[in-house]
Amino acid sequence: MSSSAMPAPAANLAQLSVGSSALVKAYPATGVAFTRLREMGLLPGTRVTLIRVAPLGDPLEIQVRGYRLSLRKSEAEHILLEPAPPAA
């Protein structure tokens, strides 16, 4: 008897599969990079989609609020996610 279980949701942005979307749950409140992300609109509750990952795994390209943004993998690992409802 086989089970067709869904894959576990990504815990952080670096674990998200290419083409998948999730909602930002939280990330560090301090640090220049995270301050800049807040200024660019990457806030808790924001939907993000992983567009692509560079051949060596760093950086990652995401889509957020209609634009694309590249992040270091080390930064993406600190951005916690929660499952997103299907896009409308």
C-alpha atoms as a PDB file:
ATOM      1  CA  MET A   1       0.000   0.000   0.000  1.00  0.00           C
ATOM      2  CA  SER A   2       1.616   3.259  -1.080  1.00  0.00           C
ATOM      3  CA  SER A   3       1.054   6.669   0.365  1.00  0.00           C
ATOM      4  CA  SER A   4       1.163   9.829  -1.742  1.00  0.00           C
ATOM      5  CA  ALA A   5       2.114  12.200   1.052  1.00  0.00           C
ATOM      6  CA  MET A   6       2.731  15.841   0.260  1.00  0.00           C
ATOM      7  CA  PRO A   7       6.298  17.030   0.815  1.00  0.00           C
ATOM      8  CA  ALA A   8       6.876  18.829   4.103  1.00  0.00           C
ATOM      9  CA  PRO A   9       6.637  22.611   3.815  1.00  0.00           C
ATOM     10  CA  ALA A  10       9.904  24.532   3.793  1.00  0.00           C
ATOM     11  CA  ALA A  11      10.985  25.800   7.185  1.00  0.00           C
ATOM     12  CA  ASN A  12      13.028  28.626   5.682  1.00  0.00           C
ATOM     13  CA  LEU A  13      13.452  30.359   2.346  1.00  0.00           C
ATOM     14  CA  ALA A  14      16.639  28.454   1.481  1.00  0.00           C
ATOM     15  CA  GLN A  15      14.653  25.177   1.669  1.00  0.00           C
ATOM     16  CA  LEU A  16      11.813  26.279  -0.626  1.00  0.00           C
ATOM     17  CA  SER A  17      11.566  24.420  -3.945  1.00  0.00           C
ATOM     18  CA  VAL A  18      11.979  26.362  -7.191  1.00  0.00           C
ATOM     19  CA  GLY A  19       8.550  27.517  -8.377  1.00  0.00           C
ATOM     20  CA  SER A  20       6.993  27.160  -4.908  1.00  0.00           C
ATOM     21  CA  SER A  21       5.423  29.963  -2.901  1.00  0.00           C
ATOM     22  CA  ALA A  22       5.102  30.548   0.826  1.00  0.00           C
ATOM     23  CA  LEU A  23       4.386  33.343   3.270  1.00  0.00           C
ATOM     24  CA  VAL A  24       7.109  35.028   5.281  1.00  0.00           C
ATOM     25  CA  LYS A  25       6.577  34.147   8.924  1.00  0.00           C
ATOM     26  CA  ALA A  26       9.537  35.894  10.582  1.00  0.00           C
ATOM     27  CA  TYR A  27      13.192  36.844  10.301  1.00  0.00           C
ATOM     28  CA  PRO A  28      15.757  38.577  12.539  1.00  0.00           C
ATOM     29  CA  ALA A  29      14.835  42.081  13.646  1.00  0.00           C
ATOM     30  CA  THR A  30      18.437  43.264  13.471  1.00  0.00           C
ATOM     31  CA  GLY A  31      21.105  43.388  10.805  1.00  0.00           C
ATOM     32  CA  VAL A  32      21.640  45.648   7.823  1.00  0.00           C
ATOM     33  CA  ALA A  33      20.469  43.043   5.288  1.00  0.00           C
ATOM     34  CA  PHE A  34      17.225  42.360   7.145  1.00  0.00           C
ATOM     35  CA  THR A  35      16.545  46.064   7.661  1.00  0.00           C
ATOM     36  CA  ARG A  36      16.931  46.525   3.893  1.00  0.00           C
ATOM     37  CA  LEU A  37      14.552  43.604   3.222  1.00  0.00           C
ATOM     38  CA  ARG A  38      11.917  45.251   5.440  1.00  0.00           C
ATOM     39  CA  GLU A  39      12.377  48.530   3.550  1.00  0.00           C
ATOM     40  CA  MET A  40      11.848  46.637   0.277  1.00  0.00           C
ATOM     41  CA  GLY A  41       8.527  45.205   1.495  1.00  0.00           C
ATOM     42  CA  LEU A  42       9.532  41.716   2.613  1.00  0.00           C
ATOM     43  CA  LEU A  43       7.368  41.703   5.734  1.00  0.00           C
ATOM     44  CA  PRO A  44       5.688  38.923   7.723  1.00  0.00           C
ATOM     45  CA  GLY A  45       2.667  37.731   5.751  1.00  0.00           C
ATOM     46  CA  THR A  46       4.224  38.624   2.381  1.00  0.00           C
ATOM     47  CA  ARG A  47       3.980  35.958  -0.331  1.00  0.00           C
ATOM     48  CA  VAL A  48       7.341  34.958  -1.849  1.00  0.00           C
ATOM     49  CA  THR A  49       8.064  32.626  -4.764  1.00  0.00           C
ATOM     50  CA  LEU A  50      11.443  31.040  -5.372  1.00  0.00           C
ATOM     51  CA  ILE A  51      12.250  31.723  -9.039  1.00  0.00           C
ATOM     52  CA  ARG A  52      15.673  30.109  -9.365  1.00  0.00           C
ATOM     53  CA  VAL A  53      18.840  29.113  -7.551  1.00  0.00           C
ATOM     54  CA  ALA A  54      22.312  29.783  -8.978  1.00  0.00           C
ATOM     55  CA  PRO A  55      24.254  26.697 -10.141  1.00  0.00           C
ATOM     56  CA  LEU A  56      26.349  26.526  -6.962  1.00  0.00           C
ATOM     57  CA  GLY A  57      23.292  27.164  -4.761  1.00  0.00           C
ATOM     58  CA  ASP A  58      24.001  30.817  -4.019  1.00  0.00           C
ATOM     59  CA  PRO A  59      22.368  33.332  -4.564  1.00  0.00           C
ATOM     60  CA  LEU A  60      18.631  32.636  -4.751  1.00  0.00           C
ATOM     61  CA  GLU A  61      16.203  34.703  -6.819  1.00  0.00           C
ATOM     62  CA  ILE A  62      12.761  35.329  -5.349  1.00  0.00           C
ATOM     63  CA  GLN A  63       9.691  37.192  -6.496  1.00  0.00           C
ATOM     64  CA  VAL A  64       8.080  39.440  -3.911  1.00  0.00           C
ATOM     65  CA  ARG A  65       5.393  42.106  -4.438  1.00  0.00           C
ATOM     66  CA  GLY A  66       5.781  41.969  -8.226  1.00  0.00           C
ATOM     67  CA  TYR A  67       9.552  42.352  -8.461  1.00  0.00           C
ATOM     68  CA  ARG A  68      12.532  40.015  -8.323  1.00  0.00           C
ATOM     69  CA  LEU A  69      15.198  40.072  -5.667  1.00  0.00           C
ATOM     70  CA  SER A  70      18.420  38.098  -5.191  1.00  0.00           C
ATOM     71  CA  LEU A  71      19.426  36.949  -1.722  1.00  0.00           C
ATOM     72  CA  ARG A  72      22.433  35.163  -0.331  1.00  0.00           C
ATOM     73  CA  LYS A  73      21.654  31.642   0.825  1.00  0.00           C
ATOM     74  CA  SER A  74      22.950  32.580   4.293  1.00  0.00           C
ATOM     75  CA  GLU A  75      20.305  35.346   4.483  1.00  0.00           C
ATOM     76  CA  ALA A  76      17.543  33.118   3.093  1.00  0.00           C
ATOM     77  CA  GLU A  77      18.220  30.532   5.810  1.00  0.00           C
ATOM     78  CA  HIS A  78      17.079  33.071   8.446  1.00  0.00           C
ATOM     79  CA  ILE A  79      13.756  33.879   6.733  1.00  0.00           C
ATOM     80  CA  LEU A  80      11.157  31.546   8.239  1.00  0.00           C
ATOM     81  CA  LEU A  81       8.152  30.536   6.149  1.00  0.00           C
ATOM     82  CA  GLU A  82       4.639  29.193   6.528  1.00  0.00           C
ATOM     83  CA  PRO A  83       2.494  27.556   3.851  1.00  0.00           C
ATOM     84  CA  ALA A  84       0.721  29.947   1.493  1.00  0.00           C
ATOM     85  CA  PRO A  85      -2.871  29.535   0.349  1.00  0.00           C
ATOM     86  CA  PRO A  86      -3.267  28.950  -3.402  1.00  0.00           C
ATOM     87  CA  ALA A  87      -2.810  32.108  -5.481  1.00  0.00           C
ATOM     88  CA  ALA A  88      -6.032  33.741  -6.634  1.00  0.00           C
END
